[in-house]
Amino acid sequence: MKITGMVIVLLTVGALSAVAQESPGEQIKYGAKKTGEAIKDTAKAVGRTTKSTAKTVGRKTKEAWRETKAKAKEVTEEKQ
């Protein structure tokens, strides 16, 4: 009986040790997954903002070019 009890205790301790060792690994895996998802979401948001900003800059640049061209035409016509 003593041997059987000791074997059971050793198996239980071994099983608990194995569970305890897997737990931090699983936590790290879960944390890494969540971090990856957060980075992905942030990258998408940055991409959308950058695209919007680029469109605005393009539109403003085009407007400035048209205004400059019109002003240059006015100046040229006034000199004639």
N, C-alpha and C. Protein backbone atom coordinates (compact mmCIF):
# COMPACT_ATOMS: atom_id res chain seq x y z
N MET A 1 0.80 -1.20 0.00
CA MET A 1 0.00 0.00 0.00
C MET A 1 0.84 1.25 0.00
N LYS A 2 1.92 1.23 0.78
CA LYS A 2 2.77 2.41 0.84
C LYS A 2 3.36 2.72 -0.53
N ILE A 3 3.74 1.70 -1.26
CA ILE A 3 4.35 1.90 -2.57
C ILE A 3 3.30 2.46 -3.54
N THR A 4 2.11 1.91 -3.50
CA THR A 4 1.03 2.39 -4.36
C THR A 4 0.71 3.85 -4.05
N GLY A 5 0.65 4.19 -2.80
CA GLY A 5 0.38 5.57 -2.38
C GLY A 5 1.48 6.52 -2.85
N MET A 6 2.73 6.08 -2.75
CA MET A 6 3.85 6.91 -3.19
C MET A 6 3.83 7.09 -4.70
N VAL A 7 3.48 6.02 -5.43
CA VAL A 7 3.40 6.11 -6.89
C VAL A 7 2.30 7.10 -7.28
N ILE A 8 1.18 7.03 -6.62
CA ILE A 8 0.07 7.94 -6.91
C ILE A 8 0.47 9.38 -6.61
N VAL A 9 1.14 9.57 -5.50
CA VAL A 9 1.60 10.92 -5.14
C VAL A 9 2.60 11.43 -6.18
N LEU A 10 3.54 10.61 -6.58
CA LEU A 10 4.54 11.02 -7.58
C LEU A 10 3.88 11.32 -8.93
N LEU A 11 2.94 10.49 -9.34
CA LEU A 11 2.23 10.75 -10.60
C LEU A 11 1.42 12.04 -10.52
N THR A 12 0.80 12.28 -9.40
CA THR A 12 0.02 13.51 -9.21
C THR A 12 0.93 14.74 -9.26
N VAL A 13 2.05 14.65 -8.57
CA VAL A 13 3.01 15.76 -8.58
C VAL A 13 3.54 15.98 -9.98
N GLY A 14 3.85 14.90 -10.68
CA GLY A 14 4.33 15.01 -12.06
C GLY A 14 3.30 15.64 -12.97
N ALA A 15 2.05 15.24 -12.82
CA ALA A 15 0.97 15.80 -13.64
C ALA A 15 0.77 17.28 -13.33
N LEU A 16 0.80 17.64 -12.07
CA LEU A 16 0.65 19.05 -11.70
C LEU A 16 1.81 19.88 -12.21
N SER A 17 3.00 19.32 -12.18
CA SER A 17 4.18 20.04 -12.70
C SER A 17 4.03 20.28 -14.19
N ALA A 18 3.55 19.27 -14.90
CA ALA A 18 3.38 19.41 -16.35
C ALA A 18 2.34 20.48 -16.67
N VAL A 19 1.25 20.50 -15.92
CA VAL A 19 0.21 21.52 -16.12
C VAL A 19 0.76 22.90 -15.80
N ALA A 20 1.52 23.01 -14.73
CA ALA A 20 2.08 24.30 -14.35
C ALA A 20 3.06 24.81 -15.40
N GLN A 21 3.81 23.92 -16.04
CA GLN A 21 4.77 24.33 -17.05
C GLN A 21 4.08 24.75 -18.33
N GLU A 22 2.97 24.15 -18.66
CA GLU A 22 2.25 24.52 -19.88
C GLU A 22 1.52 25.84 -19.72
N SER A 23 1.11 26.14 -18.53
CA SER A 23 0.32 27.34 -18.30
C SER A 23 1.04 28.63 -18.73
N PRO A 24 2.27 28.88 -18.33
CA PRO A 24 2.94 30.11 -18.80
C PRO A 24 3.13 30.11 -20.31
N GLY A 25 3.40 28.94 -20.88
CA GLY A 25 3.56 28.87 -22.34
C GLY A 25 2.27 29.23 -23.05
N GLU A 26 1.18 28.74 -22.53
CA GLU A 26 -0.12 29.08 -23.12
C GLU A 26 -0.43 30.56 -22.94
N GLN A 27 -0.06 31.09 -21.80
CA GLN A 27 -0.29 32.52 -21.56
C GLN A 27 0.53 33.36 -22.52
N ILE A 28 1.75 32.96 -22.76
CA ILE A 28 2.60 33.69 -23.70
C ILE A 28 2.03 33.61 -25.10
N LYS A 29 1.58 32.41 -25.47
CA LYS A 29 0.99 32.21 -26.79
C LYS A 29 -0.25 33.10 -26.97
N TYR A 30 -1.10 33.13 -25.95
CA TYR A 30 -2.30 33.94 -26.00
C TYR A 30 -1.95 35.43 -26.08
N GLY A 31 -0.98 35.85 -25.26
CA GLY A 31 -0.54 37.25 -25.28
C GLY A 31 0.05 37.64 -26.62
N ALA A 32 0.82 36.75 -27.21
CA ALA A 32 1.42 37.03 -28.52
C ALA A 32 0.33 37.15 -29.58
N LYS A 33 -0.68 36.31 -29.50
CA LYS A 33 -1.77 36.37 -30.46
C LYS A 33 -2.52 37.69 -30.34
N LYS A 34 -2.82 38.10 -29.12
CA LYS A 34 -3.53 39.36 -28.90
C LYS A 34 -2.68 40.56 -29.37
N THR A 35 -1.38 40.49 -29.10
CA THR A 35 -0.49 41.56 -29.53
C THR A 35 -0.45 41.65 -31.05
N GLY A 36 -0.38 40.50 -31.70
CA GLY A 36 -0.39 40.46 -33.16
C GLY A 36 -1.67 41.05 -33.74
N GLU A 37 -2.80 40.73 -33.12
CA GLU A 37 -4.07 41.29 -33.58
C GLU A 37 -4.11 42.80 -33.39
N ALA A 38 -3.59 43.27 -32.27
CA ALA A 38 -3.57 44.72 -32.00
C ALA A 38 -2.68 45.44 -33.00
N ILE A 39 -1.53 44.85 -33.31
CA ILE A 39 -0.62 45.45 -34.30
C ILE A 39 -1.29 45.50 -35.67
N LYS A 40 -1.98 44.43 -36.03
CA LYS A 40 -2.67 44.37 -37.32
C LYS A 40 -3.75 45.46 -37.40
N ASP A 41 -4.54 45.60 -36.34
CA ASP A 41 -5.59 46.62 -36.32
C ASP A 41 -5.00 48.02 -36.39
N THR A 42 -3.91 48.24 -35.68
CA THR A 42 -3.26 49.54 -35.70
C THR A 42 -2.70 49.85 -37.08
N ALA A 43 -2.10 48.85 -37.71
CA ALA A 43 -1.55 49.05 -39.05
C ALA A 43 -2.66 49.41 -40.05
N LYS A 44 -3.81 48.77 -39.91
CA LYS A 44 -4.93 49.09 -40.78
C LYS A 44 -5.39 50.53 -40.57
N ALA A 45 -5.47 50.94 -39.31
CA ALA A 45 -5.90 52.31 -38.99
C ALA A 45 -4.91 53.32 -39.54
N VAL A 46 -3.64 53.04 -39.38
CA VAL A 46 -2.59 53.94 -39.92
C VAL A 46 -2.69 54.01 -41.43
N GLY A 47 -2.94 52.87 -42.06
CA GLY A 47 -3.08 52.85 -43.52
C GLY A 47 -4.25 53.69 -43.99
N ARG A 48 -5.38 53.58 -43.29
CA ARG A 48 -6.54 54.38 -43.67
C ARG A 48 -6.25 55.87 -43.49
N THR A 49 -5.62 56.23 -42.39
CA THR A 49 -5.31 57.63 -42.13
C THR A 49 -4.32 58.17 -43.17
N THR A 50 -3.32 57.36 -43.48
CA THR A 50 -2.33 57.78 -44.47
C THR A 50 -2.97 57.98 -45.83
N LYS A 51 -3.86 57.07 -46.20
CA LYS A 51 -4.55 57.18 -47.49
C LYS A 51 -5.38 58.46 -47.53
N SER A 52 -6.10 58.73 -46.46
CA SER A 52 -6.93 59.93 -46.39
C SER A 52 -6.07 61.20 -46.47
N THR A 53 -4.97 61.18 -45.75
CA THR A 53 -4.06 62.34 -45.76
C THR A 53 -3.47 62.55 -47.15
N ALA A 54 -3.08 61.46 -47.81
CA ALA A 54 -2.51 61.57 -49.15
C ALA A 54 -3.52 62.15 -50.13
N LYS A 55 -4.78 61.74 -50.00
CA LYS A 55 -5.82 62.29 -50.87
C LYS A 55 -5.98 63.79 -50.64
N THR A 56 -5.98 64.18 -49.38
CA THR A 56 -6.13 65.60 -49.04
C THR A 56 -4.96 66.41 -49.58
N VAL A 57 -3.76 65.92 -49.39
CA VAL A 57 -2.57 66.62 -49.89
C VAL A 57 -2.63 66.73 -51.41
N GLY A 58 -3.02 65.65 -52.06
CA GLY A 58 -3.14 65.67 -53.52
C GLY A 58 -4.15 66.69 -53.99
N ARG A 59 -5.29 66.72 -53.32
CA ARG A 59 -6.35 67.66 -53.69
C ARG A 59 -5.89 69.10 -53.48
N LYS A 60 -5.26 69.37 -52.35
CA LYS A 60 -4.79 70.73 -52.06
C LYS A 60 -3.67 71.15 -53.02
N THR A 61 -2.80 70.21 -53.36
CA THR A 61 -1.73 70.51 -54.30
C THR A 61 -2.30 70.87 -55.67
N LYS A 62 -3.29 70.10 -56.09
CA LYS A 62 -3.93 70.38 -57.38
C LYS A 62 -4.60 71.74 -57.37
N GLU A 63 -5.29 72.06 -56.27
CA GLU A 63 -5.93 73.38 -56.15
C GLU A 63 -4.89 74.50 -56.22
N ALA A 64 -3.80 74.33 -55.50
CA ALA A 64 -2.74 75.35 -55.49
C ALA A 64 -2.15 75.51 -56.89
N TRP A 65 -1.97 74.41 -57.59
CA TRP A 65 -1.41 74.48 -58.95
C TRP A 65 -2.37 75.25 -59.86
N ARG A 66 -3.67 74.94 -59.75
CA ARG A 66 -4.66 75.64 -60.60
C ARG A 66 -4.68 77.14 -60.28
N GLU A 67 -4.64 77.48 -59.00
CA GLU A 67 -4.65 78.89 -58.61
C GLU A 67 -3.40 79.60 -59.10
N THR A 68 -2.25 78.94 -58.99
CA THR A 68 -0.99 79.52 -59.45
C THR A 68 -1.02 79.73 -60.96
N LYS A 69 -1.53 78.74 -61.67
CA LYS A 69 -1.61 78.84 -63.13
C LYS A 69 -2.55 79.98 -63.54
N ALA A 70 -3.69 80.10 -62.85
CA ALA A 70 -4.65 81.17 -63.17
C ALA A 70 -4.04 82.54 -62.86
N LYS A 71 -3.34 82.63 -61.72
CA LYS A 71 -2.71 83.91 -61.36
C LYS A 71 -1.62 84.27 -62.36
N ALA A 72 -0.84 83.28 -62.77
CA ALA A 72 0.21 83.55 -63.75
C ALA A 72 -0.39 84.02 -65.07
N LYS A 73 -1.51 83.44 -65.44
CA LYS A 73 -2.18 83.85 -66.68
C LYS A 73 -2.69 85.29 -66.56
N GLU A 74 -3.24 85.65 -65.41
CA GLU A 74 -3.72 87.02 -65.18
C GLU A 74 -2.58 88.02 -65.28
N VAL A 75 -1.45 87.69 -64.66
CA VAL A 75 -0.29 88.59 -64.65
C VAL A 75 0.21 88.76 -66.09
N THR A 76 0.26 87.67 -66.83
CA THR A 76 0.76 87.73 -68.20
C THR A 76 -0.17 88.58 -69.06
N GLU A 77 -1.47 88.45 -68.88
CA GLU A 77 -2.42 89.22 -69.66
C GLU A 77 -2.37 90.71 -69.30
N GLU A 78 -2.12 91.00 -68.03
CA GLU A 78 -2.05 92.40 -67.61
C GLU A 78 -0.82 93.09 -68.20
N LYS A 79 0.27 92.35 -68.36
CA LYS A 79 1.51 92.94 -68.91
C LYS A 79 1.35 93.25 -70.38
N GLN A 80 0.48 92.58 -71.05
CA GLN A 80 0.34 92.78 -72.50
C GLN A 80 -0.47 93.96 -72.79
